[in-house]
Amino acid sequence: MTVRTPVRRGGLGTGERIVRGVLAGGAVIAGIVGWLTGAGWFAWAWLAIGLGGVDFMITAVLGYCPLYARLGLGQPYTADLFKVRRRRSTGGR
């Protein structure tokens, strides 16, 4: 019999959330600057980069990625993720 760890489909780990947040901030700032200084279709390309950054920011804050959920990827369930506290053993008292 195989024991599998339950997986929260689409869940992001803490490290990935931090990386996504940093990348999102950079993309949003680059998108705004590019939109304000660019001209023609190039400005629209910068706007698309900024919107991609907004998407990364939302997934970082929520800790959930719909694409990961579709692909069946995610983080394993642990007591730490859900702040579950376990009672200490009183030694039979």
PDB file of N, CA and C in Angstrom:
ATOM      1  N   MET A   1       0.840  -1.172   0.000  1.00  0.00           N
ATOM      2  CA  MET A   1       0.000   0.000   0.000  1.00  0.00           C
ATOM      3  C   MET A   1       0.893   1.245   0.000  1.00  0.00           C
ATOM      4  N   THR A   2       0.573   2.180  -0.852  1.00  0.00           N
ATOM      5  CA  THR A   2       1.338   3.406  -0.970  1.00  0.00           C
ATOM      6  C   THR A   2       0.624   4.532  -0.228  1.00  0.00           C
ATOM      7  N   VAL A   3       1.362   5.248   0.586  1.00  0.00           N
ATOM      8  CA  VAL A   3       0.797   6.392   1.291  1.00  0.00           C
ATOM      9  C   VAL A   3       1.221   7.647   0.541  1.00  0.00           C
ATOM     10  N   ARG A   4       0.256   8.437   0.148  1.00  0.00           N
ATOM     11  CA  ARG A   4       0.562   9.675  -0.563  1.00  0.00           C
ATOM     12  C   ARG A   4       0.226  10.872   0.312  1.00  0.00           C
ATOM     13  N   THR A   5       1.062  11.864   0.233  1.00  0.00           N
ATOM     14  CA  THR A   5       0.796  13.095   0.958  1.00  0.00           C
ATOM     15  C   THR A   5      -0.255  13.881   0.197  1.00  0.00           C
ATOM     16  N   PRO A   6      -1.339  14.303   0.877  1.00  0.00           N
ATOM     17  CA  PRO A   6      -2.345  15.103   0.170  1.00  0.00           C
ATOM     18  C   PRO A   6      -1.745  16.410  -0.332  1.00  0.00           C
ATOM     19  N   VAL A   7      -2.155  16.817  -1.506  1.00  0.00           N
ATOM     20  CA  VAL A   7      -1.600  18.019  -2.123  1.00  0.00           C
ATOM     21  C   VAL A   7      -2.707  19.042  -2.317  1.00  0.00           C
ATOM     22  N   ARG A   8      -2.412  20.265  -1.977  1.00  0.00           N
ATOM     23  CA  ARG A   8      -3.327  21.375  -2.207  1.00  0.00           C
ATOM     24  C   ARG A   8      -3.086  21.836  -3.637  1.00  0.00           C
ATOM     25  N   ARG A   9      -3.963  21.459  -4.540  1.00  0.00           N
ATOM     26  CA  ARG A   9      -3.760  21.783  -5.948  1.00  0.00           C
ATOM     27  C   ARG A   9      -3.748  23.290  -6.159  1.00  0.00           C
ATOM     28  N   GLY A  10      -2.720  23.757  -6.838  1.00  0.00           N
ATOM     29  CA  GLY A  10      -2.599  25.175  -7.138  1.00  0.00           C
ATOM     30  C   GLY A  10      -1.945  25.991  -6.054  1.00  0.00           C
ATOM     31  N   GLY A  11      -1.552  25.353  -4.958  1.00  0.00           N
ATOM     32  CA  GLY A  11      -0.962  26.097  -3.850  1.00  0.00           C
ATOM     33  C   GLY A  11       0.486  26.470  -4.110  1.00  0.00           C
ATOM     34  N   LEU A  12       0.874  27.640  -3.648  1.00  0.00           N
ATOM     35  CA  LEU A  12       2.241  28.122  -3.796  1.00  0.00           C
ATOM     36  C   LEU A  12       2.944  28.090  -2.452  1.00  0.00           C
ATOM     37  N   GLY A  13       4.216  27.768  -2.478  1.00  0.00           N
ATOM     38  CA  GLY A  13       5.014  27.789  -1.262  1.00  0.00           C
ATOM     39  C   GLY A  13       5.432  29.211  -0.908  1.00  0.00           C
ATOM     40  N   THR A  14       5.962  29.383   0.275  1.00  0.00           N
ATOM     41  CA  THR A  14       6.362  30.708   0.750  1.00  0.00           C
ATOM     42  C   THR A  14       7.449  31.315  -0.123  1.00  0.00           C
ATOM     43  N   GLY A  15       8.443  30.512  -0.488  1.00  0.00           N
ATOM     44  CA  GLY A  15       9.531  31.021  -1.332  1.00  0.00           C
ATOM     45  C   GLY A  15       9.034  31.483  -2.688  1.00  0.00           C
ATOM     46  N   GLU A  16       8.162  30.702  -3.269  1.00  0.00           N
ATOM     47  CA  GLU A  16       7.638  31.080  -4.585  1.00  0.00           C
ATOM     48  C   GLU A  16       6.762  32.324  -4.505  1.00  0.00           C
ATOM     49  N   ARG A  17       6.045  32.477  -3.408  1.00  0.00           N
ATOM     50  CA  ARG A  17       5.225  33.672  -3.236  1.00  0.00           C
ATOM     51  C   ARG A  17       6.097  34.919  -3.137  1.00  0.00           C
ATOM     52  N   ILE A  18       7.235  34.804  -2.447  1.00  0.00           N
ATOM     53  CA  ILE A  18       8.142  35.947  -2.326  1.00  0.00           C
ATOM     54  C   ILE A  18       8.745  36.296  -3.677  1.00  0.00           C
ATOM     55  N   VAL A  19       9.198  35.287  -4.416  1.00  0.00           N
ATOM     56  CA  VAL A  19       9.788  35.529  -5.733  1.00  0.00           C
ATOM     57  C   VAL A  19       8.759  36.153  -6.671  1.00  0.00           C
ATOM     58  N   ARG A  20       7.541  35.638  -6.655  1.00  0.00           N
ATOM     59  CA  ARG A  20       6.492  36.212  -7.504  1.00  0.00           C
ATOM     60  C   ARG A  20       6.196  37.657  -7.122  1.00  0.00           C
ATOM     61  N   GLY A  21       6.206  37.956  -5.836  1.00  0.00           N
ATOM     62  CA  GLY A  21       5.956  39.330  -5.396  1.00  0.00           C
ATOM     63  C   GLY A  21       7.022  40.292  -5.879  1.00  0.00           C
ATOM     64  N   VAL A  22       8.282  39.879  -5.792  1.00  0.00           N
ATOM     65  CA  VAL A  22       9.386  40.733  -6.249  1.00  0.00           C
ATOM     66  C   VAL A  22       9.318  40.931  -7.765  1.00  0.00           C
ATOM     67  N   LEU A  23       9.113  39.843  -8.500  1.00  0.00           N
ATOM     68  CA  LEU A  23       8.996  39.957  -9.957  1.00  0.00           C
ATOM     69  C   LEU A  23       7.789  40.792 -10.364  1.00  0.00           C
ATOM     70  N   ALA A  24       6.709  40.651  -9.625  1.00  0.00           N
ATOM     71  CA  ALA A  24       5.494  41.409  -9.932  1.00  0.00           C
ATOM     72  C   ALA A  24       5.732  42.898  -9.753  1.00  0.00           C
ATOM     73  N   GLY A  25       6.379  43.266  -8.660  1.00  0.00           N
ATOM     74  CA  GLY A  25       6.659  44.681  -8.435  1.00  0.00           C
ATOM     75  C   GLY A  25       7.513  45.278  -9.536  1.00  0.00           C
ATOM     76  N   GLY A  26       8.544  44.541  -9.942  1.00  0.00           N
ATOM     77  CA  GLY A  26       9.398  45.014 -11.032  1.00  0.00           C
ATOM     78  C   GLY A  26       8.660  45.134 -12.351  1.00  0.00           C
ATOM     79  N   ALA A  27       7.811  44.166 -12.648  1.00  0.00           N
ATOM     80  CA  ALA A  27       7.071  44.191 -13.914  1.00  0.00           C
ATOM     81  C   ALA A  27       6.055  45.327 -13.936  1.00  0.00           C
ATOM     82  N   VAL A  28       5.396  45.565 -12.815  1.00  0.00           N
ATOM     83  CA  VAL A  28       4.413  46.654 -12.761  1.00  0.00           C
ATOM     84  C   VAL A  28       5.108  47.999 -12.931  1.00  0.00           C
ATOM     85  N   ILE A  29       6.216  48.199 -12.234  1.00  0.00           N
ATOM     86  CA  ILE A  29       6.951  49.470 -12.357  1.00  0.00           C
ATOM     87  C   ILE A  29       7.465  49.651 -13.782  1.00  0.00           C
ATOM     88  N   ALA A  30       8.040  48.589 -14.362  1.00  0.00           N
ATOM     89  CA  ALA A  30       8.537  48.675 -15.744  1.00  0.00           C
ATOM     90  C   ALA A  30       7.388  48.950 -16.716  1.00  0.00           C
ATOM     91  N   GLY A  31       6.243  48.335 -16.468  1.00  0.00           N
ATOM     92  CA  GLY A  31       5.087  48.559 -17.336  1.00  0.00           C
ATOM     93  C   GLY A  31       4.591  49.989 -17.281  1.00  0.00           C
ATOM     94  N   ILE A  32       4.542  50.559 -16.081  1.00  0.00           N
ATOM     95  CA  ILE A  32       4.074  51.944 -15.947  1.00  0.00           C
ATOM     96  C   ILE A  32       5.048  52.908 -16.611  1.00  0.00           C
ATOM     97  N   VAL A  33       6.340  52.733 -16.336  1.00  0.00           N
ATOM     98  CA  VAL A  33       7.349  53.621 -16.932  1.00  0.00           C
ATOM     99  C   VAL A  33       7.348  53.478 -18.457  1.00  0.00           C
ATOM    100  N   GLY A  34       7.302  52.236 -18.948  1.00  0.00           N
ATOM    101  CA  GLY A  34       7.280  52.016 -20.390  1.00  0.00           C
ATOM    102  C   GLY A  34       6.037  52.583 -21.052  1.00  0.00           C
ATOM    103  N   TRP A  35       4.900  52.479 -20.379  1.00  0.00           N
ATOM    104  CA  TRP A  35       3.641  53.001 -20.926  1.00  0.00           C
ATOM    105  C   TRP A  35       3.701  54.530 -21.032  1.00  0.00           C
ATOM    106  N   LEU A  36       4.270  55.166 -20.014  1.00  0.00           N
ATOM    107  CA  LEU A  36       4.327  56.627 -20.004  1.00  0.00           C
ATOM    108  C   LEU A  36       5.374  57.186 -20.957  1.00  0.00           C
ATOM    109  N   THR A  37       6.454  56.452 -21.200  1.00  0.00           N
ATOM    110  CA  THR A  37       7.523  56.973 -22.060  1.00  0.00           C
ATOM    111  C   THR A  37       7.485  56.411 -23.475  1.00  0.00           C
ATOM    112  N   GLY A  38       6.760  55.323 -23.691  1.00  0.00           N
ATOM    113  CA  GLY A  38       6.732  54.687 -25.007  1.00  0.00           C
ATOM    114  C   GLY A  38       5.734  55.347 -25.948  1.00  0.00           C
ATOM    115  N   ALA A  39       5.798  54.914 -27.198  1.00  0.00           N
ATOM    116  CA  ALA A  39       4.880  55.431 -28.198  1.00  0.00           C
ATOM    117  C   ALA A  39       4.450  54.287 -29.111  1.00  0.00           C
ATOM    118  N   GLY A  40       3.234  54.373 -29.609  1.00  0.00           N
ATOM    119  CA  GLY A  40       2.730  53.386 -30.563  1.00  0.00           C
ATOM    120  C   GLY A  40       2.518  52.021 -29.941  1.00  0.00           C
ATOM    121  N   TRP A  41       2.804  50.988 -30.724  1.00  0.00           N
ATOM    122  CA  TRP A  41       2.569  49.619 -30.253  1.00  0.00           C
ATOM    123  C   TRP A  41       3.517  49.240 -29.132  1.00  0.00           C
ATOM    124  N   PHE A  42       4.671  49.913 -29.067  1.00  0.00           N
ATOM    125  CA  PHE A  42       5.649  49.609 -28.024  1.00  0.00           C
ATOM    126  C   PHE A  42       5.083  49.922 -26.638  1.00  0.00           C
ATOM    127  N   ALA A  43       4.287  50.976 -26.545  1.00  0.00           N
ATOM    128  CA  ALA A  43       3.643  51.318 -25.274  1.00  0.00           C
ATOM    129  C   ALA A  43       2.667  50.219 -24.867  1.00  0.00           C
ATOM    130  N   TRP A  44       1.973  49.644 -25.836  1.00  0.00           N
ATOM    131  CA  TRP A  44       1.026  48.555 -25.533  1.00  0.00           C
ATOM    132  C   TRP A  44       1.760  47.313 -25.052  1.00  0.00           C
ATOM    133  N   ALA A  45       2.953  47.070 -25.572  1.00  0.00           N
ATOM    134  CA  ALA A  45       3.753  45.933 -25.105  1.00  0.00           C
ATOM    135  C   ALA A  45       4.143  46.123 -23.640  1.00  0.00           C
ATOM    136  N   TRP A  46       4.502  47.350 -23.275  1.00  0.00           N
ATOM    137  CA  TRP A  46       4.834  47.625 -21.870  1.00  0.00           C
ATOM    138  C   TRP A  46       3.604  47.475 -20.978  1.00  0.00           C
ATOM    139  N   LEU A  47       2.449  47.862 -21.499  1.00  0.00           N
ATOM    140  CA  LEU A  47       1.216  47.691 -20.731  1.00  0.00           C
ATOM    141  C   LEU A  47       0.953  46.205 -20.480  1.00  0.00           C
ATOM    142  N   ALA A  48       1.205  45.364 -21.477  1.00  0.00           N
ATOM    143  CA  ALA A  48       1.023  43.920 -21.305  1.00  0.00           C
ATOM    144  C   ALA A  48       1.980  43.367 -20.251  1.00  0.00           C
ATOM    145  N   ILE A  49       3.204  43.860 -20.220  1.00  0.00           N
ATOM    146  CA  ILE A  49       4.165  43.433 -19.194  1.00  0.00           C
ATOM    147  C   ILE A  49       3.664  43.837 -17.814  1.00  0.00           C
ATOM    148  N   GLY A  50       3.142  45.044 -17.696  1.00  0.00           N
ATOM    149  CA  GLY A  50       2.598  45.511 -16.422  1.00  0.00           C
ATOM    150  C   GLY A  50       1.402  44.688 -15.969  1.00  0.00           C
ATOM    151  N   LEU A  51       0.533  44.302 -16.890  1.00  0.00           N
ATOM    152  CA  LEU A  51      -0.625  43.474 -16.540  1.00  0.00           C
ATOM    153  C   LEU A  51      -0.198  42.066 -16.132  1.00  0.00           C
ATOM    154  N   GLY A  52       0.850  41.565 -16.757  1.00  0.00           N
ATOM    155  CA  GLY A  52       1.406  40.278 -16.323  1.00  0.00           C
ATOM    156  C   GLY A  52       1.941  40.367 -14.904  1.00  0.00           C
ATOM    157  N   GLY A  53       2.530  41.498 -14.565  1.00  0.00           N
ATOM    158  CA  GLY A  53       3.004  41.734 -13.211  1.00  0.00           C
ATOM    159  C   GLY A  53       1.860  41.789 -12.211  1.00  0.00           C
ATOM    160  N   VAL A  54       0.742  42.383 -12.612  1.00  0.00           N
ATOM    161  CA  VAL A  54      -0.435  42.421 -11.732  1.00  0.00           C
ATOM    162  C   VAL A  54      -0.931  41.005 -11.472  1.00  0.00           C
ATOM    163  N   ASP A  55      -0.933  40.162 -12.496  1.00  0.00           N
ATOM    164  CA  ASP A  55      -1.347  38.768 -12.325  1.00  0.00           C
ATOM    165  C   ASP A  55      -0.421  38.050 -11.342  1.00  0.00           C
ATOM    166  N   PHE A  56       0.884  38.245 -11.488  1.00  0.00           N
ATOM    167  CA  PHE A  56       1.838  37.635 -10.552  1.00  0.00           C
ATOM    168  C   PHE A  56       1.614  38.152  -9.135  1.00  0.00           C
ATOM    169  N   MET A  57       1.285  39.432  -9.003  1.00  0.00           N
ATOM    170  CA  MET A  57       1.059  40.007  -7.680  1.00  0.00           C
ATOM    171  C   MET A  57      -0.170  39.384  -7.022  1.00  0.00           C
ATOM    172  N   ILE A  58      -1.233  39.186  -7.781  1.00  0.00           N
ATOM    173  CA  ILE A  58      -2.456  38.586  -7.240  1.00  0.00           C
ATOM    174  C   ILE A  58      -2.199  37.153  -6.802  1.00  0.00           C
ATOM    175  N   THR A  59      -1.501  36.376  -7.622  1.00  0.00           N
ATOM    176  CA  THR A  59      -1.221  34.994  -7.241  1.00  0.00           C
ATOM    177  C   THR A  59      -0.282  34.926  -6.041  1.00  0.00           C
ATOM    178  N   ALA A  60       0.636  35.888  -5.909  1.00  0.00           N
ATOM    179  CA  ALA A  60       1.532  35.900  -4.751  1.00  0.00           C
ATOM    180  C   ALA A  60       0.764  36.204  -3.475  1.00  0.00           C
ATOM    181  N   VAL A  61      -0.160  37.139  -3.541  1.00  0.00           N
ATOM    182  CA  VAL A  61      -0.932  37.508  -2.349  1.00  0.00           C
ATOM    183  C   VAL A  61      -1.878  36.387  -1.950  1.00  0.00           C
ATOM    184  N   LEU A  62      -2.560  35.804  -2.920  1.00  0.00           N
ATOM    185  CA  LEU A  62      -3.531  34.748  -2.618  1.00  0.00           C
ATOM    186  C   LEU A  62      -2.872  33.416  -2.286  1.00  0.00           C
ATOM    187  N   GLY A  63      -1.691  33.169  -2.839  1.00  0.00           N
ATOM    188  CA  GLY A  63      -1.020  31.888  -2.620  1.00  0.00           C
ATOM    189  C   GLY A  63      -1.633  30.768  -3.436  1.00  0.00           C
ATOM    190  N   TYR A  64      -2.342  31.116  -4.489  1.00  0.00           N
ATOM    191  CA  TYR A  64      -3.019  30.139  -5.333  1.00  0.00           C
ATOM    192  C   TYR A  64      -2.789  30.501  -6.790  1.00  0.00           C
ATOM    193  N   CYS A  65      -2.430  29.508  -7.602  1.00  0.00           N
ATOM    194  CA  CYS A  65      -2.202  29.717  -9.027  1.00  0.00           C
ATOM    195  C   CYS A  65      -3.141  28.814  -9.815  1.00  0.00           C
ATOM    196  N   PRO A  66      -4.088  29.381 -10.580  1.00  0.00           N
ATOM    197  CA  PRO A  66      -5.025  28.558 -11.346  1.00  0.00           C
ATOM    198  C   PRO A  66      -4.329  27.649 -12.363  1.00  0.00           C
ATOM    199  N   LEU A  67      -3.227  28.103 -12.948  1.00  0.00           N
ATOM    200  CA  LEU A  67      -2.499  27.272 -13.903  1.00  0.00           C
ATOM    201  C   LEU A  67      -1.926  26.046 -13.208  1.00  0.00           C
ATOM    202  N   TYR A  68      -1.349  26.224 -12.017  1.00  0.00           N
ATOM    203  CA  TYR A  68      -0.842  25.089 -11.254  1.00  0.00           C
ATOM    204  C   TYR A  68      -1.963  24.117 -10.917  1.00  0.00           C
ATOM    205  N   ALA A  69      -3.132  24.649 -10.585  1.00  0.00           N
ATOM    206  CA  ALA A  69      -4.270  23.778 -10.256  1.00  0.00           C
ATOM    207  C   ALA A  69      -4.674  22.946 -11.472  1.00  0.00           C
ATOM    208  N   ARG A  70      -4.687  23.549 -12.651  1.00  0.00           N
ATOM    209  CA  ARG A  70      -5.011  22.807 -13.886  1.00  0.00           C
ATOM    210  C   ARG A  70      -3.986  21.720 -14.180  1.00  0.00           C
ATOM    211  N   LEU A  71      -2.729  22.003 -13.876  1.00  0.00           N
ATOM    212  CA  LEU A  71      -1.676  21.030 -14.133  1.00  0.00           C
ATOM    213  C   LEU A  71      -1.532  20.003 -13.019  1.00  0.00           C
ATOM    214  N   GLY A  72      -2.255  20.203 -11.909  1.00  0.00           N
ATOM    215  CA  GLY A  72      -2.211  19.262 -10.800  1.00  0.00           C
ATOM    216  C   GLY A  72      -0.997  19.437  -9.909  1.00  0.00           C
ATOM    217  N   LEU A  73      -0.387  20.597  -9.952  1.00  0.00           N
ATOM    218  CA  LEU A  73       0.788  20.880  -9.136  1.00  0.00           C
ATOM    219  C   LEU A  73       0.370  21.582  -7.852  1.00  0.00           C
ATOM    220  N   GLY A  74       1.228  21.534  -6.849  1.00  0.00           N
ATOM    221  CA  GLY A  74       0.922  22.251  -5.622  1.00  0.00           C
ATOM    222  C   GLY A  74       1.865  21.875  -4.500  1.00  0.00           C
ATOM    223  N   GLN A  75       1.605  22.407  -3.326  1.00  0.00           N
ATOM    224  CA  GLN A  75       2.392  22.144  -2.138  1.00  0.00           C
ATOM    225  C   GLN A  75       1.698  21.084  -1.295  1.00  0.00           C
ATOM    226  N   PRO A  76       2.466  20.211  -0.629  1.00  0.00           N
ATOM    227  CA  PRO A  76       1.833  19.199   0.236  1.00  0.00           C
ATOM    228  C   PRO A  76       1.217  19.845   1.472  1.00  0.00           C
ATOM    229  N   TYR A  77       0.147  19.225   1.956  1.00  0.00           N
ATOM    230  CA  TYR A  77      -0.481  19.696   3.191  1.00  0.00           C
ATOM    231  C   TYR A  77       0.448  19.426   4.361  1.00  0.00           C
ATOM    232  N   THR A  78       0.605  20.400   5.208  1.00  0.00           N
ATOM    233  CA  THR A  78       1.338  20.203   6.456  1.00  0.00           C
ATOM    234  C   THR A  78       0.597  20.952   7.549  1.00  0.00           C
ATOM    235  N   ALA A  79       0.898  20.619   8.774  1.00  0.00           N
ATOM    236  CA  ALA A  79       0.258  21.301   9.888  1.00  0.00           C
ATOM    237  C   ALA A  79       0.654  22.775   9.912  1.00  0.00           C
ATOM    238  N   ASP A  80       1.878  23.095   9.462  1.00  0.00           N
ATOM    239  CA  ASP A  80       2.341  24.476   9.491  1.00  0.00           C
ATOM    240  C   ASP A  80       1.574  25.366   8.521  1.00  0.00           C
ATOM    241  N   LEU A  81       1.171  24.825   7.369  1.00  0.00           N
ATOM    242  CA  LEU A  81       0.447  25.633   6.397  1.00  0.00           C
ATOM    243  C   LEU A  81      -0.882  26.126   6.943  1.00  0.00           C
ATOM    244  N   PHE A  82      -1.500  25.336   7.780  1.00  0.00           N
ATOM    245  CA  PHE A  82      -2.829  25.687   8.267  1.00  0.00           C
ATOM    246  C   PHE A  82      -2.832  26.085   9.734  1.00  0.00           C
ATOM    247  N   LYS A  83      -1.654  26.319  10.298  1.00  0.00           N
ATOM    248  CA  LYS A  83      -1.511  26.780  11.674  1.00  0.00           C
ATOM    249  C   LYS A  83      -2.232  25.864  12.665  1.00  0.00           C
ATOM    250  N   VAL A  84      -2.083  24.561  12.459  1.00  0.00           N
ATOM    251  CA  VAL A  84      -2.691  23.584  13.351  1.00  0.00           C
ATOM    252  C   VAL A  84      -1.756  23.364  14.528  1.00  0.00           C
ATOM    253  N   ARG A  85      -2.271  23.504  15.716  1.00  0.00           N
ATOM    254  CA  ARG A  85      -1.468  23.258  16.910  1.00  0.00           C
ATOM    255  C   ARG A  85      -1.838  21.899  17.471  1.00  0.00           C
ATOM    256  N   ARG A  86      -0.826  21.158  17.797  1.00  0.00           N
ATOM    257  CA  ARG A  86      -1.049  19.843  18.379  1.00  0.00           C
ATOM    258  C   ARG A  86      -0.846  19.924  19.872  1.00  0.00           C
ATOM    259  N   ARG A  87      -1.680  19.214  20.601  1.00  0.00           N
ATOM    260  CA  ARG A  87      -1.577  19.220  22.058  1.00  0.00           C
ATOM    261  C   ARG A  87      -0.365  18.415  22.504  1.00  0.00           C
ATOM    262  N   ARG A  88       0.243  18.900  23.542  1.00  0.00           N
ATOM    263  CA  ARG A  88       1.372  18.165  24.120  1.00  0.00           C
ATOM    264  C   ARG A  88       0.845  17.018  24.957  1.00  0.00           C
ATOM    265  N   SER A  89       1.591  15.975  24.973  1.00  0.00           N
ATOM    266  CA  SER A  89       1.203  14.835  25.788  1.00  0.00           C
ATOM    267  C   SER A  89       1.440  15.169  27.260  1.00  0.00           C
ATOM    268  N   THR A  90       0.458  14.866  28.080  1.00  0.00           N
ATOM    269  CA  THR A  90       0.578  15.157  29.516  1.00  0.00           C
ATOM    270  C   THR A  90       1.166  13.974  30.260  1.00  0.00           C
ATOM    271  N   GLY A  91       1.565  12.942  29.562  1.00  0.00           N
ATOM    272  CA  GLY A  91       2.169  11.782  30.197  1.00  0.00           C
ATOM    273  C   GLY A  91       1.152  10.910  30.911  1.00  0.00           C
ATOM    274  N   GLY A  92      -0.076  10.894  30.428  1.00  0.00           N
ATOM    275  CA  GLY A  92      -1.100  10.039  31.014  1.00  0.00           C
ATOM    276  C   GLY A  92      -1.813  10.648  32.202  1.00  0.00           C
ATOM    277  N   ARG A  93      -1.663  11.904  32.406  1.00  0.00           N
ATOM    278  CA  ARG A  93      -2.338  12.546  33.549  1.00  0.00           C
ATOM    279  C   ARG A  93      -3.666  13.100  33.154  1.00  0.00           C
TER     280      ARG A  93
END
